[in-house]
Amino acid sequence: MMYRVYECDSSKKALITKILETDPYADDSFARVGYKVKDGTVLGEDKNKIYIYISASDDFVKKADEKLKEHAVVAKNEDKIAEKIRKEEEEAESGFGSIFGE
């Protein structure tokens, strides 16, 4: 498994969402693999950008690169942003667990 973080202008969010949600039941769809879309402001990054995080097989990441290449690029600070997204998810899971006393 590997991960990839893409970035693009927030003005392209609707277009990127359409690409990510296309054919959700296909074996190689973004929906099956899972992805996260975050606004730059939420991550303390460029407020005019959105970031797309994918954790998947090498083959899927290559397909994602191809599908997104016209609208998004690999984030310049990919590792830093990936870490922020993973940390945010861990904190959300931890908070959810505390609701149920775990």
C-alpha atoms as a PDB file:
ATOM      1  CA  MET A   1       0.000   0.000   0.000  1.00  0.00           C
ATOM      2  CA  MET A   2       1.088   3.501  -0.684  1.00  0.00           C
ATOM      3  CA  TYR A   3      -0.544   6.878  -0.501  1.00  0.00           C
ATOM      4  CA  ARG A   4      -0.805   9.909  -2.699  1.00  0.00           C
ATOM      5  CA  VAL A   5      -1.886  13.465  -1.984  1.00  0.00           C
ATOM      6  CA  TYR A   6      -3.016  15.627  -4.871  1.00  0.00           C
ATOM      7  CA  GLU A   7      -3.697  19.331  -4.822  1.00  0.00           C
ATOM      8  CA  CYS A   8      -5.729  21.593  -7.079  1.00  0.00           C
ATOM      9  CA  ASP A   9      -7.419  24.960  -7.008  1.00  0.00           C
ATOM     10  CA  SER A  10     -10.583  24.969  -4.928  1.00  0.00           C
ATOM     11  CA  SER A  11     -12.441  26.283  -7.984  1.00  0.00           C
ATOM     12  CA  LYS A  12     -12.096  22.753  -9.438  1.00  0.00           C
ATOM     13  CA  LYS A  13     -13.706  21.024  -6.452  1.00  0.00           C
ATOM     14  CA  ALA A  14     -16.950  20.171  -8.291  1.00  0.00           C
ATOM     15  CA  LEU A  15     -15.013  18.735 -11.222  1.00  0.00           C
ATOM     16  CA  ILE A  16     -12.739  16.672  -8.962  1.00  0.00           C
ATOM     17  CA  THR A  17     -15.745  15.418  -6.988  1.00  0.00           C
ATOM     18  CA  LYS A  18     -17.384  14.296 -10.218  1.00  0.00           C
ATOM     19  CA  ILE A  19     -14.256  12.325 -11.186  1.00  0.00           C
ATOM     20  CA  LEU A  20     -13.992  10.759  -7.722  1.00  0.00           C
ATOM     21  CA  GLU A  21     -17.660   9.744  -7.651  1.00  0.00           C
ATOM     22  CA  THR A  22     -17.862   8.334 -11.196  1.00  0.00           C
ATOM     23  CA  ASP A  23     -18.950   4.670 -11.373  1.00  0.00           C
ATOM     24  CA  PRO A  24     -18.689   3.986  -7.613  1.00  0.00           C
ATOM     25  CA  TYR A  25     -19.371   0.245  -8.024  1.00  0.00           C
ATOM     26  CA  ALA A  26     -16.530  -0.441 -10.461  1.00  0.00           C
ATOM     27  CA  ASP A  27     -13.706  -2.593  -9.111  1.00  0.00           C
ATOM     28  CA  ASP A  28     -11.178   0.192  -9.642  1.00  0.00           C
ATOM     29  CA  SER A  29     -13.304   3.117  -8.472  1.00  0.00           C
ATOM     30  CA  PHE A  30     -12.192   5.778  -6.034  1.00  0.00           C
ATOM     31  CA  ALA A  31     -15.241   4.942  -3.911  1.00  0.00           C
ATOM     32  CA  ARG A  32     -14.114   1.340  -3.394  1.00  0.00           C
ATOM     33  CA  VAL A  33     -10.566   2.352  -2.523  1.00  0.00           C
ATOM     34  CA  GLY A  34     -11.590   5.310  -0.398  1.00  0.00           C
ATOM     35  CA  TYR A  35     -10.380   8.862  -0.471  1.00  0.00           C
ATOM     36  CA  LYS A  36     -10.536  12.052   1.536  1.00  0.00           C
ATOM     37  CA  VAL A  37     -10.972  15.561   0.178  1.00  0.00           C
ATOM     38  CA  LYS A  38      -9.876  18.388   2.460  1.00  0.00           C
ATOM     39  CA  ASP A  39      -9.933  22.154   2.065  1.00  0.00           C
ATOM     40  CA  GLY A  40      -6.577  23.824   2.528  1.00  0.00           C
ATOM     41  CA  THR A  41      -7.843  26.023   5.351  1.00  0.00           C
ATOM     42  CA  VAL A  42      -8.865  22.978   7.409  1.00  0.00           C
ATOM     43  CA  LEU A  43      -5.322  21.639   7.129  1.00  0.00           C
ATOM     44  CA  GLY A  44      -3.595  24.953   7.762  1.00  0.00           C
ATOM     45  CA  GLU A  45      -2.426  25.028   4.145  1.00  0.00           C
ATOM     46  CA  ASP A  46      -3.227  27.214   1.137  1.00  0.00           C
ATOM     47  CA  LYS A  47      -6.841  28.372   1.498  1.00  0.00           C
ATOM     48  CA  ASN A  48      -7.266  28.379  -2.283  1.00  0.00           C
ATOM     49  CA  LYS A  49      -6.439  24.685  -2.627  1.00  0.00           C
ATOM     50  CA  ILE A  50      -8.146  21.388  -1.966  1.00  0.00           C
ATOM     51  CA  TYR A  51      -6.227  18.213  -1.217  1.00  0.00           C
ATOM     52  CA  ILE A  52      -7.204  14.683  -2.200  1.00  0.00           C
ATOM     53  CA  TYR A  53      -5.739  11.851  -0.115  1.00  0.00           C
ATOM     54  CA  ILE A  54      -5.741   8.270  -1.384  1.00  0.00           C
ATOM     55  CA  SER A  55      -4.218   5.208   0.255  1.00  0.00           C
ATOM     56  CA  ALA A  56      -4.172   2.321  -2.216  1.00  0.00           C
ATOM     57  CA  SER A  57      -2.128  -0.201  -4.178  1.00  0.00           C
ATOM     58  CA  ASP A  58       0.628   1.000  -6.490  1.00  0.00           C
ATOM     59  CA  ASP A  59      -1.508   0.030  -9.496  1.00  0.00           C
ATOM     60  CA  PHE A  60      -4.477   2.074  -8.309  1.00  0.00           C
ATOM     61  CA  VAL A  61      -2.297   5.097  -7.571  1.00  0.00           C
ATOM     62  CA  LYS A  62      -1.002   4.928 -11.158  1.00  0.00           C
ATOM     63  CA  LYS A  63      -4.613   4.871 -12.421  1.00  0.00           C
ATOM     64  CA  ALA A  64      -5.486   7.779 -10.115  1.00  0.00           C
ATOM     65  CA  ASP A  65      -2.505   9.743 -11.442  1.00  0.00           C
ATOM     66  CA  GLU A  66      -3.847   9.222 -14.961  1.00  0.00           C
ATOM     67  CA  LYS A  67      -7.472  10.112 -14.105  1.00  0.00           C
ATOM     68  CA  LEU A  68      -6.570  13.277 -12.201  1.00  0.00           C
ATOM     69  CA  LYS A  69      -3.586  14.524 -14.222  1.00  0.00           C
ATOM     70  CA  GLU A  70      -5.494  17.216 -16.117  1.00  0.00           C
ATOM     71  CA  HIS A  71      -6.948  18.783 -12.980  1.00  0.00           C
ATOM     72  CA  ALA A  72      -4.669  18.044 -10.029  1.00  0.00           C
ATOM     73  CA  VAL A  73      -0.973  17.555  -9.310  1.00  0.00           C
ATOM     74  CA  VAL A  74       0.867  15.660  -6.614  1.00  0.00           C
ATOM     75  CA  ALA A  75       1.076  17.989  -3.623  1.00  0.00           C
ATOM     76  CA  LYS A  76       4.443  19.687  -3.185  1.00  0.00           C
ATOM     77  CA  ASN A  77       4.527  18.822   0.514  1.00  0.00           C
ATOM     78  CA  GLU A  78       2.760  15.459   0.145  1.00  0.00           C
ATOM     79  CA  ASP A  79       4.216  13.787   3.254  1.00  0.00           C
ATOM     80  CA  LYS A  80       3.368  16.728   5.522  1.00  0.00           C
ATOM     81  CA  ILE A  81      -0.225  16.943   4.274  1.00  0.00           C
ATOM     82  CA  ALA A  82      -0.719  13.164   4.439  1.00  0.00           C
ATOM     83  CA  GLU A  83       0.425  13.212   8.056  1.00  0.00           C
ATOM     84  CA  LYS A  84      -2.017  16.036   8.898  1.00  0.00           C
ATOM     85  CA  ILE A  85      -4.901  14.123   7.305  1.00  0.00           C
ATOM     86  CA  ARG A  86      -4.023  10.867   9.100  1.00  0.00           C
ATOM     87  CA  LYS A  87      -3.670  12.698  12.419  1.00  0.00           C
ATOM     88  CA  GLU A  88      -7.050  14.390  11.928  1.00  0.00           C
ATOM     89  CA  GLU A  89      -8.657  10.993  11.214  1.00  0.00           C
ATOM     90  CA  GLU A  90      -7.060   9.422  14.300  1.00  0.00           C
ATOM     91  CA  GLU A  91      -8.305  12.264  16.478  1.00  0.00           C
ATOM     92  CA  ALA A  92     -11.808  11.917  15.025  1.00  0.00           C
ATOM     93  CA  GLU A  93     -11.803   8.156  15.697  1.00  0.00           C
ATOM     94  CA  SER A  94     -10.507   8.721  19.215  1.00  0.00           C
ATOM     95  CA  GLY A  95     -13.212  11.284  19.906  1.00  0.00           C
ATOM     96  CA  PHE A  96     -15.898   8.994  18.516  1.00  0.00           C
ATOM     97  CA  GLY A  97     -14.659   6.167  20.751  1.00  0.00           C
ATOM     98  CA  SER A  98     -14.884   8.359  23.841  1.00  0.00           C
ATOM     99  CA  ILE A  99     -18.561   8.980  23.122  1.00  0.00           C
ATOM    100  CA  PHE A 100     -19.167   5.280  23.686  1.00  0.00           C
ATOM    101  CA  GLY A 101     -16.833   5.035  26.661  1.00  0.00           C
ATOM    102  CA  GLU A 102     -14.076   3.142  24.887  1.00  0.00           C
END
